[in-house]
Structures are given as C-alpha cells and as structure tokens.
Amino acid sequence: MQVQINGETQQRKEGETLEMLMDEFALLQKEGIAVAVNCEVVPKVKWPSHALKAYDAVDIVSPFQGG
C-alpha cells in the first residue's frame, strides 16, 4: 500500500502499525518523538494498535535546538 512519510511516498505492508514503522526507523525507544497521521497526533501508547491505511500521511517530528 502507498503511504506518505514526512512527505515522501513509500510502499508499505498491509497491516503495518506505527510501532512497526518506528521500530524500522530505530525511533521506537527515542524520547520526544511525535507522530501524526493525517494531521492528528497519535499518542505513543497507541502506536502498537494504530494500523496504517493506504494513502495515510504520516509525519514524524523530533525536537531540535535553534535560535
């Protein structure tokens, strides 16, 4: 299925969860990561049960310092 991740279209497996996606990107254990699907934030506790659907838009955001 086709999914957009941070604006980049990718092919993903049917039934893939946010937890599986974050684990693949080695972001599962990182603190301060926020994930939104279709512009709605998904709390980390729901990542294991939140299955991605075709054409979802996933935004992964991490904090950064700036000035």
N, C-alpha and C. Protein backbone atom coordinates (compact mmCIF):
# COMPACT_ATOMS: atom_id res chain seq x y z
N MET A 1 0.84 -1.17 0.00
CA MET A 1 0.00 0.00 0.00
C MET A 1 0.89 1.24 0.00
N GLN A 2 0.35 2.31 -0.50
CA GLN A 2 1.09 3.55 -0.60
C GLN A 2 0.80 4.43 0.62
N VAL A 3 1.87 4.95 1.25
CA VAL A 3 1.76 5.82 2.42
C VAL A 3 2.78 6.94 2.26
N GLN A 4 2.43 8.14 2.72
CA GLN A 4 3.39 9.23 2.71
C GLN A 4 4.00 9.35 4.09
N ILE A 5 5.34 9.36 4.14
CA ILE A 5 6.05 9.53 5.40
C ILE A 5 6.93 10.76 5.26
N ASN A 6 6.61 11.76 6.08
CA ASN A 6 7.29 13.06 6.01
C ASN A 6 7.37 13.57 4.57
N GLY A 7 6.26 13.45 3.85
CA GLY A 7 6.15 13.97 2.50
C GLY A 7 6.69 13.08 1.40
N GLU A 8 7.27 11.94 1.76
CA GLU A 8 7.83 11.02 0.77
C GLU A 8 6.93 9.79 0.62
N THR A 9 6.52 9.50 -0.58
CA THR A 9 5.65 8.34 -0.82
C THR A 9 6.47 7.06 -0.73
N GLN A 10 5.96 6.11 0.03
CA GLN A 10 6.62 4.81 0.21
C GLN A 10 5.60 3.69 0.07
N GLN A 11 6.08 2.54 -0.32
CA GLN A 11 5.27 1.32 -0.33
C GLN A 11 5.47 0.63 1.02
N ARG A 12 4.38 0.33 1.70
CA ARG A 12 4.43 -0.34 3.00
C ARG A 12 3.55 -1.58 2.95
N LYS A 13 3.74 -2.46 3.93
CA LYS A 13 2.96 -3.69 4.00
C LYS A 13 1.58 -3.42 4.61
N GLU A 14 0.57 -4.11 4.08
CA GLU A 14 -0.77 -4.03 4.67
C GLU A 14 -0.70 -4.46 6.14
N GLY A 15 -1.42 -3.76 6.99
CA GLY A 15 -1.47 -4.12 8.40
C GLY A 15 -0.33 -3.60 9.23
N GLU A 16 0.60 -2.88 8.64
CA GLU A 16 1.74 -2.35 9.40
C GLU A 16 1.23 -1.32 10.40
N THR A 17 1.77 -1.39 11.61
CA THR A 17 1.39 -0.44 12.66
C THR A 17 2.43 0.66 12.78
N LEU A 18 2.06 1.71 13.49
CA LEU A 18 3.03 2.79 13.75
C LEU A 18 4.23 2.26 14.54
N GLU A 19 3.97 1.34 15.46
CA GLU A 19 5.07 0.76 16.24
C GLU A 19 6.07 0.05 15.32
N MET A 20 5.58 -0.70 14.35
CA MET A 20 6.46 -1.40 13.41
C MET A 20 7.26 -0.39 12.58
N LEU A 21 6.60 0.66 12.13
CA LEU A 21 7.27 1.69 11.34
C LEU A 21 8.36 2.38 12.15
N MET A 22 8.04 2.76 13.38
CA MET A 22 9.00 3.46 14.22
C MET A 22 10.17 2.54 14.58
N ASP A 23 9.91 1.27 14.77
CA ASP A 23 10.97 0.31 15.06
C ASP A 23 11.91 0.19 13.86
N GLU A 24 11.36 0.16 12.66
CA GLU A 24 12.17 0.07 11.46
C GLU A 24 13.11 1.27 11.32
N PHE A 25 12.63 2.44 11.70
CA PHE A 25 13.44 3.66 11.61
C PHE A 25 14.29 3.87 12.87
N ALA A 26 14.32 2.90 13.77
CA ALA A 26 15.10 2.96 15.01
C ALA A 26 14.70 4.16 15.86
N LEU A 27 13.39 4.45 15.87
CA LEU A 27 12.89 5.58 16.65
C LEU A 27 11.97 5.16 17.78
N LEU A 28 11.80 3.86 17.94
CA LEU A 28 10.85 3.35 18.93
C LEU A 28 11.24 3.73 20.35
N GLN A 29 12.52 3.69 20.68
CA GLN A 29 12.97 3.96 22.05
C GLN A 29 13.39 5.40 22.27
N LYS A 30 13.40 6.22 21.22
CA LYS A 30 13.80 7.62 21.37
C LYS A 30 12.73 8.41 22.10
N GLU A 31 13.17 9.32 22.94
CA GLU A 31 12.24 10.19 23.67
C GLU A 31 11.94 11.43 22.85
N GLY A 32 10.78 12.00 23.05
CA GLY A 32 10.44 13.26 22.43
C GLY A 32 9.99 13.19 20.99
N ILE A 33 9.72 12.00 20.49
CA ILE A 33 9.26 11.84 19.11
C ILE A 33 7.73 11.97 19.10
N ALA A 34 7.22 12.75 18.17
CA ALA A 34 5.76 12.87 17.99
C ALA A 34 5.41 12.36 16.60
N VAL A 35 4.27 11.69 16.51
CA VAL A 35 3.81 11.15 15.24
C VAL A 35 2.37 11.61 15.01
N ALA A 36 2.12 12.11 13.81
CA ALA A 36 0.76 12.48 13.42
C ALA A 36 0.41 11.67 12.17
N VAL A 37 -0.81 11.20 12.12
CA VAL A 37 -1.33 10.51 10.95
C VAL A 37 -2.52 11.32 10.46
N ASN A 38 -2.41 11.77 9.21
CA ASN A 38 -3.46 12.61 8.63
C ASN A 38 -3.75 13.82 9.51
N CYS A 39 -2.67 14.44 9.99
CA CYS A 39 -2.72 15.68 10.79
C CYS A 39 -3.27 15.50 12.20
N GLU A 40 -3.42 14.27 12.67
CA GLU A 40 -3.86 14.03 14.04
C GLU A 40 -2.77 13.29 14.80
N VAL A 41 -2.35 13.87 15.93
CA VAL A 41 -1.30 13.26 16.74
C VAL A 41 -1.79 11.93 17.29
N VAL A 42 -0.93 10.93 17.20
CA VAL A 42 -1.23 9.60 17.75
C VAL A 42 -0.32 9.40 18.97
N PRO A 43 -0.89 9.30 20.17
CA PRO A 43 -0.07 9.09 21.36
C PRO A 43 0.75 7.81 21.26
N LYS A 44 1.92 7.83 21.87
CA LYS A 44 2.83 6.68 21.79
C LYS A 44 2.18 5.39 22.29
N VAL A 45 1.32 5.48 23.27
CA VAL A 45 0.67 4.27 23.80
C VAL A 45 -0.24 3.61 22.76
N LYS A 46 -0.63 4.35 21.73
CA LYS A 46 -1.50 3.79 20.69
C LYS A 46 -0.73 3.31 19.46
N TRP A 47 0.58 3.53 19.41
CA TRP A 47 1.37 3.10 18.26
C TRP A 47 1.23 1.60 17.98
N PRO A 48 1.24 0.73 19.01
CA PRO A 48 1.15 -0.71 18.72
C PRO A 48 -0.17 -1.13 18.05
N SER A 49 -1.23 -0.38 18.30
CA SER A 49 -2.53 -0.78 17.75
C SER A 49 -2.98 0.08 16.57
N HIS A 50 -2.24 1.13 16.26
CA HIS A 50 -2.65 2.01 15.16
C HIS A 50 -2.11 1.47 13.83
N ALA A 51 -3.00 0.81 13.09
CA ALA A 51 -2.62 0.25 11.79
C ALA A 51 -2.68 1.34 10.72
N LEU A 52 -1.66 1.37 9.88
CA LEU A 52 -1.65 2.32 8.78
C LEU A 52 -2.59 1.85 7.68
N LYS A 53 -3.17 2.82 6.98
CA LYS A 53 -4.07 2.53 5.86
C LYS A 53 -3.50 3.15 4.60
N ALA A 54 -3.91 2.64 3.48
CA ALA A 54 -3.45 3.17 2.19
C ALA A 54 -3.70 4.68 2.13
N TYR A 55 -2.71 5.38 1.64
CA TYR A 55 -2.75 6.83 1.43
C TYR A 55 -2.72 7.65 2.71
N ASP A 56 -2.41 7.02 3.87
CA ASP A 56 -2.21 7.80 5.08
C ASP A 56 -1.01 8.72 4.89
N ALA A 57 -1.05 9.87 5.55
CA ALA A 57 0.08 10.80 5.58
C ALA A 57 0.63 10.79 7.00
N VAL A 58 1.85 10.28 7.16
CA VAL A 58 2.49 10.16 8.46
C VAL A 58 3.57 11.23 8.58
N ASP A 59 3.51 12.00 9.66
CA ASP A 59 4.53 13.00 9.94
C ASP A 59 5.22 12.62 11.24
N ILE A 60 6.55 12.44 11.16
CA ILE A 60 7.37 12.10 12.32
C ILE A 60 8.20 13.32 12.66
N VAL A 61 8.05 13.80 13.89
CA VAL A 61 8.72 15.04 14.30
C VAL A 61 9.54 14.77 15.54
N SER A 62 10.77 15.29 15.55
CA SER A 62 11.60 15.20 16.74
C SER A 62 12.05 16.62 17.11
N PRO A 63 12.27 16.85 18.40
CA PRO A 63 12.68 18.19 18.82
C PRO A 63 14.09 18.52 18.32
N PHE A 64 14.33 19.80 18.13
CA PHE A 64 15.67 20.25 17.75
C PHE A 64 15.91 21.63 18.36
N GLN A 65 17.17 21.95 18.55
CA GLN A 65 17.52 23.24 19.12
C GLN A 65 17.70 24.27 18.01
N GLY A 66 17.35 25.44 18.33
CA GLY A 66 17.50 26.51 17.35
C GLY A 66 17.51 27.84 18.07
N GLY A 67 17.63 28.87 17.30
CA GLY A 67 17.67 30.16 17.96
C GLY A 67 17.23 31.27 17.11
